[in-house]
């Protein structure tokens, strides 16, 4: 019996337009006219999983001294995928624990957590002071190792990982698909994701 549902954020329950992954990262950089610099980092690091922390630090450093309010005014409220609010409401009404595990960032993820009345939100953090980003952040969810976050969330709610349902869209979901009781690929971005999931939407 399934008891907990974890949803990916970027490209799954939110889909920002005019970006490679529809992600909160993409939206933030676009709002600050930093898309070109961010794209260069993606091209450099996307295939180098072992250098994710270095990539994270370089992305966050691009934001140093930039206005937090400018970002918030442009990226919130986020563009939810069709049916997101209805699905979450049904899950909650049916007694499931429901939340987010994302390597996206808190500026968007925490808003979604509150807006959808979720039970948990595992995300990365961007630090700011006096209304400006400091250029420092905290990577709480490794892009290529979300399974460790699922294990911790399941412990928190006294749920086994095989009682968890995972919904996601890209290849960084593959490790979490492996340990979940049920995996759902929502608008899968590659054939590998599609073939790795129990169900495809």
C-alpha atoms as a PDB file:
ATOM      1  CA  UNK A   1       0.000   0.000   0.000  1.00  0.00           C
ATOM      2  CA  UNK A   2       1.373   3.401  -0.981  1.00  0.00           C
ATOM      3  CA  UNK A   3       1.443   6.136   1.647  1.00  0.00           C
ATOM      4  CA  UNK A   4       3.621   8.956   0.327  1.00  0.00           C
ATOM      5  CA  UNK A   5       3.967  10.757  -3.004  1.00  0.00           C
ATOM      6  CA  UNK A   6       6.969  12.866  -3.900  1.00  0.00           C
ATOM      7  CA  UNK A   7       6.846  15.174  -6.884  1.00  0.00           C
ATOM      8  CA  UNK A   8       9.704  16.667  -8.821  1.00  0.00           C
ATOM      9  CA  UNK A   9       9.426  20.437  -9.167  1.00  0.00           C
ATOM     10  CA  UNK A  10      11.228  21.634 -12.289  1.00  0.00           C
ATOM     11  CA  UNK A  11       9.681  20.401 -15.506  1.00  0.00           C
ATOM     12  CA  UNK A  12       7.093  18.340 -13.633  1.00  0.00           C
ATOM     13  CA  UNK A  13       4.726  20.401 -11.499  1.00  0.00           C
ATOM     14  CA  UNK A  14       6.044  23.713 -12.803  1.00  0.00           C
ATOM     15  CA  UNK A  15       7.097  24.497 -16.349  1.00  0.00           C
ATOM     16  CA  UNK A  16       8.719  27.860 -16.989  1.00  0.00           C
ATOM     17  CA  UNK A  17       8.627  28.850 -20.686  1.00  0.00           C
ATOM     18  CA  UNK A  18      11.585  29.753 -22.852  1.00  0.00           C
ATOM     19  CA  UNK A  19      14.128  27.592 -21.034  1.00  0.00           C
ATOM     20  CA  UNK A  20      15.917  24.321 -21.580  1.00  0.00           C
ATOM     21  CA  UNK A  21      14.469  22.499 -18.584  1.00  0.00           C
ATOM     22  CA  UNK A  22      11.535  24.697 -17.563  1.00  0.00           C
ATOM     23  CA  UNK A  23      13.257  25.002 -14.210  1.00  0.00           C
ATOM     24  CA  UNK A  24      13.342  27.420 -11.298  1.00  0.00           C
ATOM     25  CA  UNK A  25      17.063  27.904 -11.968  1.00  0.00           C
ATOM     26  CA  UNK A  26      16.345  28.819 -15.608  1.00  0.00           C
ATOM     27  CA  UNK A  27      13.619  31.253 -14.548  1.00  0.00           C
ATOM     28  CA  UNK A  28      15.822  33.006 -11.998  1.00  0.00           C
ATOM     29  CA  UNK A  29      18.707  33.457 -14.412  1.00  0.00           C
ATOM     30  CA  UNK A  30      16.325  34.650 -17.131  1.00  0.00           C
ATOM     31  CA  UNK A  31      14.824  37.223 -14.746  1.00  0.00           C
ATOM     32  CA  UNK A  32      18.301  38.676 -14.175  1.00  0.00           C
ATOM     33  CA  UNK A  33      19.471  38.507 -17.810  1.00  0.00           C
ATOM     34  CA  UNK A  34      21.993  35.832 -16.890  1.00  0.00           C
ATOM     35  CA  UNK A  35      20.701  33.062 -19.162  1.00  0.00           C
ATOM     36  CA  UNK A  36      23.742  33.081 -21.436  1.00  0.00           C
ATOM     37  CA  UNK A  37      26.179  32.652 -18.541  1.00  0.00           C
ATOM     38  CA  UNK A  38      24.029  29.930 -16.988  1.00  0.00           C
ATOM     39  CA  UNK A  39      23.752  28.057 -20.292  1.00  0.00           C
ATOM     40  CA  UNK A  40      27.533  27.942 -20.563  1.00  0.00           C
ATOM     41  CA  UNK A  41      27.696  26.311 -17.132  1.00  0.00           C
ATOM     42  CA  UNK A  42      25.040  23.772 -18.117  1.00  0.00           C
ATOM     43  CA  UNK A  43      26.971  22.829 -21.234  1.00  0.00           C
ATOM     44  CA  UNK A  44      30.149  22.446 -19.199  1.00  0.00           C
ATOM     45  CA  UNK A  45      28.779  20.440 -16.277  1.00  0.00           C
ATOM     46  CA  UNK A  46      25.594  18.599 -17.270  1.00  0.00           C
ATOM     47  CA  UNK A  47      27.455  15.433 -18.257  1.00  0.00           C
ATOM     48  CA  UNK A  48      29.969  15.604 -15.382  1.00  0.00           C
ATOM     49  CA  UNK A  49      27.988  14.216 -12.482  1.00  0.00           C
ATOM     50  CA  UNK A  50      31.000  14.108 -10.174  1.00  0.00           C
ATOM     51  CA  UNK A  51      31.386  17.895 -10.448  1.00  0.00           C
ATOM     52  CA  UNK A  52      27.816  18.792  -9.482  1.00  0.00           C
ATOM     53  CA  UNK A  53      28.854  20.641  -6.304  1.00  0.00           C
ATOM     54  CA  UNK A  54      31.286  22.772  -8.290  1.00  0.00           C
ATOM     55  CA  UNK A  55      28.534  23.526 -10.815  1.00  0.00           C
ATOM     56  CA  UNK A  56      26.151  24.469  -8.011  1.00  0.00           C
ATOM     57  CA  UNK A  57      28.667  26.883  -6.489  1.00  0.00           C
ATOM     58  CA  UNK A  58      29.368  28.563  -9.824  1.00  0.00           C
ATOM     59  CA  UNK A  59      25.672  28.969 -10.571  1.00  0.00           C
ATOM     60  CA  UNK A  60      24.993  30.494  -7.172  1.00  0.00           C
ATOM     61  CA  UNK A  61      27.966  32.849  -7.504  1.00  0.00           C
ATOM     62  CA  UNK A  62      26.346  34.373 -10.612  1.00  0.00           C
ATOM     63  CA  UNK A  63      23.633  35.757  -8.338  1.00  0.00           C
ATOM     64  CA  UNK A  64      25.928  37.679  -5.988  1.00  0.00           C
ATOM     65  CA  UNK A  65      24.643  41.202  -5.406  1.00  0.00           C
ATOM     66  CA  UNK A  66      21.461  40.678  -7.416  1.00  0.00           C
ATOM     67  CA  UNK A  67      18.074  41.813  -6.115  1.00  0.00           C
ATOM     68  CA  UNK A  68      15.922  39.157  -4.466  1.00  0.00           C
ATOM     69  CA  UNK A  69      12.723  41.159  -4.982  1.00  0.00           C
ATOM     70  CA  UNK A  70      13.420  41.517  -8.696  1.00  0.00           C
ATOM     71  CA  UNK A  71      13.587  37.729  -8.986  1.00  0.00           C
ATOM     72  CA  UNK A  72      10.482  37.152  -6.890  1.00  0.00           C
ATOM     73  CA  UNK A  73       8.454  39.671  -8.900  1.00  0.00           C
ATOM     74  CA  UNK A  74       9.344  37.903 -12.138  1.00  0.00           C
ATOM     75  CA  UNK A  75       9.240  34.196 -11.217  1.00  0.00           C
ATOM     76  CA  UNK A  76       6.290  34.058  -8.817  1.00  0.00           C
ATOM     77  CA  UNK A  77       3.673  32.773  -8.918  1.00  0.00           C
ATOM     78  CA  UNK A  78       5.157  29.871 -10.890  1.00  0.00           C
ATOM     79  CA  UNK A  79       3.502  28.419 -13.995  1.00  0.00           C
ATOM     80  CA  UNK A  80       1.999  25.162 -12.755  1.00  0.00           C
ATOM     81  CA  UNK A  81       1.619  22.246 -15.123  1.00  0.00           C
ATOM     82  CA  UNK A  82      -1.990  21.594 -16.034  1.00  0.00           C
ATOM     83  CA  UNK A  83      -3.838  19.708 -13.305  1.00  0.00           C
ATOM     84  CA  UNK A  84      -1.167  20.100 -10.625  1.00  0.00           C
ATOM     85  CA  UNK A  85      -3.367  21.680  -7.975  1.00  0.00           C
ATOM     86  CA  UNK A  86      -6.185  19.219  -8.590  1.00  0.00           C
ATOM     87  CA  UNK A  87      -3.875  16.194  -8.352  1.00  0.00           C
ATOM     88  CA  UNK A  88      -2.296  17.398  -5.120  1.00  0.00           C
ATOM     89  CA  UNK A  89      -5.704  18.104  -3.611  1.00  0.00           C
ATOM     90  CA  UNK A  90      -6.897  14.584  -4.481  1.00  0.00           C
ATOM     91  CA  UNK A  91      -3.763  13.010  -3.037  1.00  0.00           C
ATOM     92  CA  UNK A  92      -4.091  14.946   0.207  1.00  0.00           C
ATOM     93  CA  UNK A  93      -7.805  14.153   0.471  1.00  0.00           C
ATOM     94  CA  UNK A  94      -6.990  10.466  -0.058  1.00  0.00           C
ATOM     95  CA  UNK A  95      -4.635  10.466   2.913  1.00  0.00           C
ATOM     96  CA  UNK A  96      -1.263  10.485   1.168  1.00  0.00           C
ATOM     97  CA  UNK A  97       1.695  12.434   2.491  1.00  0.00           C
ATOM     98  CA  UNK A  98       2.625  14.671  -0.415  1.00  0.00           C
ATOM     99  CA  UNK A  99       5.627  16.872  -1.103  1.00  0.00           C
ATOM    100  CA  UNK A 100       8.558  17.897  -3.261  1.00  0.00           C
ATOM    101  CA  UNK A 101      12.074  16.588  -3.676  1.00  0.00           C
ATOM    102  CA  UNK A 102      13.872  18.895  -6.074  1.00  0.00           C
ATOM    103  CA  UNK A 103      17.328  20.143  -6.908  1.00  0.00           C
ATOM    104  CA  UNK A 104      15.577  23.385  -7.750  1.00  0.00           C
ATOM    105  CA  UNK A 105      15.754  26.353  -5.406  1.00  0.00           C
ATOM    106  CA  UNK A 106      13.868  27.593  -2.376  1.00  0.00           C
ATOM    107  CA  UNK A 107      12.740  30.884  -3.932  1.00  0.00           C
ATOM    108  CA  UNK A 108      10.227  28.876  -5.957  1.00  0.00           C
ATOM    109  CA  UNK A 109      10.023  25.585  -4.060  1.00  0.00           C
ATOM    110  CA  UNK A 110       9.008  27.116  -0.716  1.00  0.00           C
ATOM    111  CA  UNK A 111       6.315  29.158  -2.423  1.00  0.00           C
ATOM    112  CA  UNK A 112       4.924  25.988  -4.009  1.00  0.00           C
ATOM    113  CA  UNK A 113       5.116  24.134  -0.691  1.00  0.00           C
ATOM    114  CA  UNK A 114       2.939  26.764   0.989  1.00  0.00           C
ATOM    115  CA  UNK A 115       0.642  27.352  -1.970  1.00  0.00           C
ATOM    116  CA  UNK A 116      -0.186  23.647  -2.362  1.00  0.00           C
ATOM    117  CA  UNK A 117      -0.171  22.944   1.392  1.00  0.00           C
ATOM    118  CA  UNK A 118       2.437  20.194   1.033  1.00  0.00           C
ATOM    119  CA  UNK A 119       3.799  18.026   3.837  1.00  0.00           C
ATOM    120  CA  UNK A 120       7.468  18.412   2.928  1.00  0.00           C
ATOM    121  CA  UNK A 121       9.811  20.249   0.598  1.00  0.00           C
ATOM    122  CA  UNK A 122      13.400  19.160   0.045  1.00  0.00           C
ATOM    123  CA  UNK A 123      15.205  21.804  -2.029  1.00  0.00           C
ATOM    124  CA  UNK A 124      18.387  23.801  -2.423  1.00  0.00           C
ATOM    125  CA  UNK A 125      18.876  27.163  -0.735  1.00  0.00           C
ATOM    126  CA  UNK A 126      20.028  30.573  -1.942  1.00  0.00           C
ATOM    127  CA  UNK A 127      21.301  32.820   0.837  1.00  0.00           C
ATOM    128  CA  UNK A 128      20.554  36.533   0.837  1.00  0.00           C
ATOM    129  CA  UNK A 129      21.162  39.570   3.031  1.00  0.00           C
ATOM    130  CA  UNK A 130      19.663  43.061   2.953  1.00  0.00           C
ATOM    131  CA  UNK A 131      17.591  42.115  -0.078  1.00  0.00           C
ATOM    132  CA  UNK A 132      20.514  40.883  -2.149  1.00  0.00           C
ATOM    133  CA  UNK A 133      21.768  37.408  -2.944  1.00  0.00           C
ATOM    134  CA  UNK A 134      25.104  36.726  -1.275  1.00  0.00           C
ATOM    135  CA  UNK A 135      26.426  34.429  -4.000  1.00  0.00           C
ATOM    136  CA  UNK A 136      26.405  31.527  -1.549  1.00  0.00           C
ATOM    137  CA  UNK A 137      23.919  28.694  -1.217  1.00  0.00           C
ATOM    138  CA  UNK A 138      23.399  25.264   0.254  1.00  0.00           C
ATOM    139  CA  UNK A 139      22.969  22.141  -1.843  1.00  0.00           C
ATOM    140  CA  UNK A 140      20.480  20.025   0.098  1.00  0.00           C
ATOM    141  CA  UNK A 141      19.384  17.912  -2.871  1.00  0.00           C
ATOM    142  CA  UNK A 142      22.092  16.599  -5.162  1.00  0.00           C
ATOM    143  CA  UNK A 143      20.935  16.641  -8.771  1.00  0.00           C
ATOM    144  CA  UNK A 144      22.094  13.057  -9.292  1.00  0.00           C
ATOM    145  CA  UNK A 145      21.339  11.616  -5.838  1.00  0.00           C
ATOM    146  CA  UNK A 146      17.762  12.406  -4.870  1.00  0.00           C
ATOM    147  CA  UNK A 147      17.314   8.912  -3.447  1.00  0.00           C
ATOM    148  CA  UNK A 148      19.077   9.884  -0.215  1.00  0.00           C
ATOM    149  CA  UNK A 149      16.468  12.610   0.309  1.00  0.00           C
ATOM    150  CA  UNK A 150      13.658  10.129  -0.256  1.00  0.00           C
ATOM    151  CA  UNK A 151      15.124   7.838   2.392  1.00  0.00           C
ATOM    152  CA  UNK A 152      15.204  10.722   4.890  1.00  0.00           C
ATOM    153  CA  UNK A 153      11.678  11.866   4.063  1.00  0.00           C
ATOM    154  CA  UNK A 154      10.338   8.335   4.461  1.00  0.00           C
ATOM    155  CA  UNK A 155      11.987   8.054   7.884  1.00  0.00           C
ATOM    156  CA  UNK A 156      10.401  11.343   8.909  1.00  0.00           C
ATOM    157  CA  UNK A 157       6.915  10.052   8.137  1.00  0.00           C
ATOM    158  CA  UNK A 158       7.536   6.462   9.226  1.00  0.00           C
ATOM    159  CA  UNK A 159       7.065   5.186   5.684  1.00  0.00           C
ATOM    160  CA  UNK A 160       9.112   2.560   3.844  1.00  0.00           C
ATOM    161  CA  UNK A 161      10.637   3.563   0.509  1.00  0.00           C
ATOM    162  CA  UNK A 162       8.646   0.830  -1.240  1.00  0.00           C
ATOM    163  CA  UNK A 163       5.512   2.593   0.041  1.00  0.00           C
ATOM    164  CA  UNK A 164       6.505   5.775  -1.802  1.00  0.00           C
ATOM    165  CA  UNK A 165       5.407   6.971  -5.240  1.00  0.00           C
ATOM    166  CA  UNK A 166       7.840   9.150  -7.201  1.00  0.00           C
ATOM    167  CA  UNK A 167       6.867  11.436 -10.084  1.00  0.00           C
ATOM    168  CA  UNK A 168       9.490  13.081 -12.293  1.00  0.00           C
ATOM    169  CA  UNK A 169      10.511  13.924 -15.833  1.00  0.00           C
ATOM    170  CA  UNK A 170      14.262  13.699 -16.373  1.00  0.00           C
ATOM    171  CA  UNK A 171      17.239  11.376 -15.990  1.00  0.00           C
ATOM    172  CA  UNK A 172      18.141  12.764 -12.583  1.00  0.00           C
ATOM    173  CA  UNK A 173      15.053  10.872 -11.360  1.00  0.00           C
ATOM    174  CA  UNK A 174      16.468   7.464 -12.267  1.00  0.00           C
ATOM    175  CA  UNK A 175      18.170   6.816  -8.940  1.00  0.00           C
ATOM    176  CA  UNK A 176      15.020   7.677  -7.002  1.00  0.00           C
ATOM    177  CA  UNK A 177      12.873   5.596  -9.372  1.00  0.00           C
ATOM    178  CA  UNK A 178      14.931   2.549  -8.390  1.00  0.00           C
ATOM    179  CA  UNK A 179      14.082   2.626  -4.685  1.00  0.00           C
ATOM    180  CA  UNK A 180      10.481   3.838  -4.854  1.00  0.00           C
ATOM    181  CA  UNK A 181       7.562   1.451  -4.755  1.00  0.00           C
ATOM    182  CA  UNK A 182       6.069   3.080  -7.833  1.00  0.00           C
ATOM    183  CA  UNK A 183       7.651   5.426 -10.387  1.00  0.00           C
ATOM    184  CA  UNK A 184       5.771   7.687 -12.775  1.00  0.00           C
ATOM    185  CA  UNK A 185       7.446   9.551 -15.639  1.00  0.00           C
ATOM    186  CA  UNK A 186       5.499  12.734 -16.312  1.00  0.00           C
ATOM    187  CA  UNK A 187       6.230  14.119 -19.785  1.00  0.00           C
ATOM    188  CA  UNK A 188       9.538  12.184 -19.815  1.00  0.00           C
ATOM    189  CA  UNK A 189      12.317  14.109 -21.492  1.00  0.00           C
ATOM    190  CA  UNK A 190      14.209  11.039 -22.746  1.00  0.00           C
ATOM    191  CA  UNK A 191      13.472   7.450 -23.764  1.00  0.00           C
ATOM    192  CA  UNK A 192      15.604   6.262 -20.850  1.00  0.00           C
ATOM    193  CA  UNK A 193      13.290   7.969 -18.367  1.00  0.00           C
ATOM    194  CA  UNK A 194      10.237   6.556 -20.113  1.00  0.00           C
ATOM    195  CA  UNK A 195      11.582   3.016 -20.055  1.00  0.00           C
ATOM    196  CA  UNK A 196      12.717   3.244 -16.420  1.00  0.00           C
ATOM    197  CA  UNK A 197       9.319   4.218 -15.029  1.00  0.00           C
ATOM    198  CA  UNK A 198       6.470   1.927 -14.047  1.00  0.00           C
ATOM    199  CA  UNK A 199       3.967   4.286 -15.657  1.00  0.00           C
ATOM    200  CA  UNK A 200       4.205   7.135 -18.145  1.00  0.00           C
ATOM    201  CA  UNK A 201       1.949  10.200 -18.302  1.00  0.00           C
END
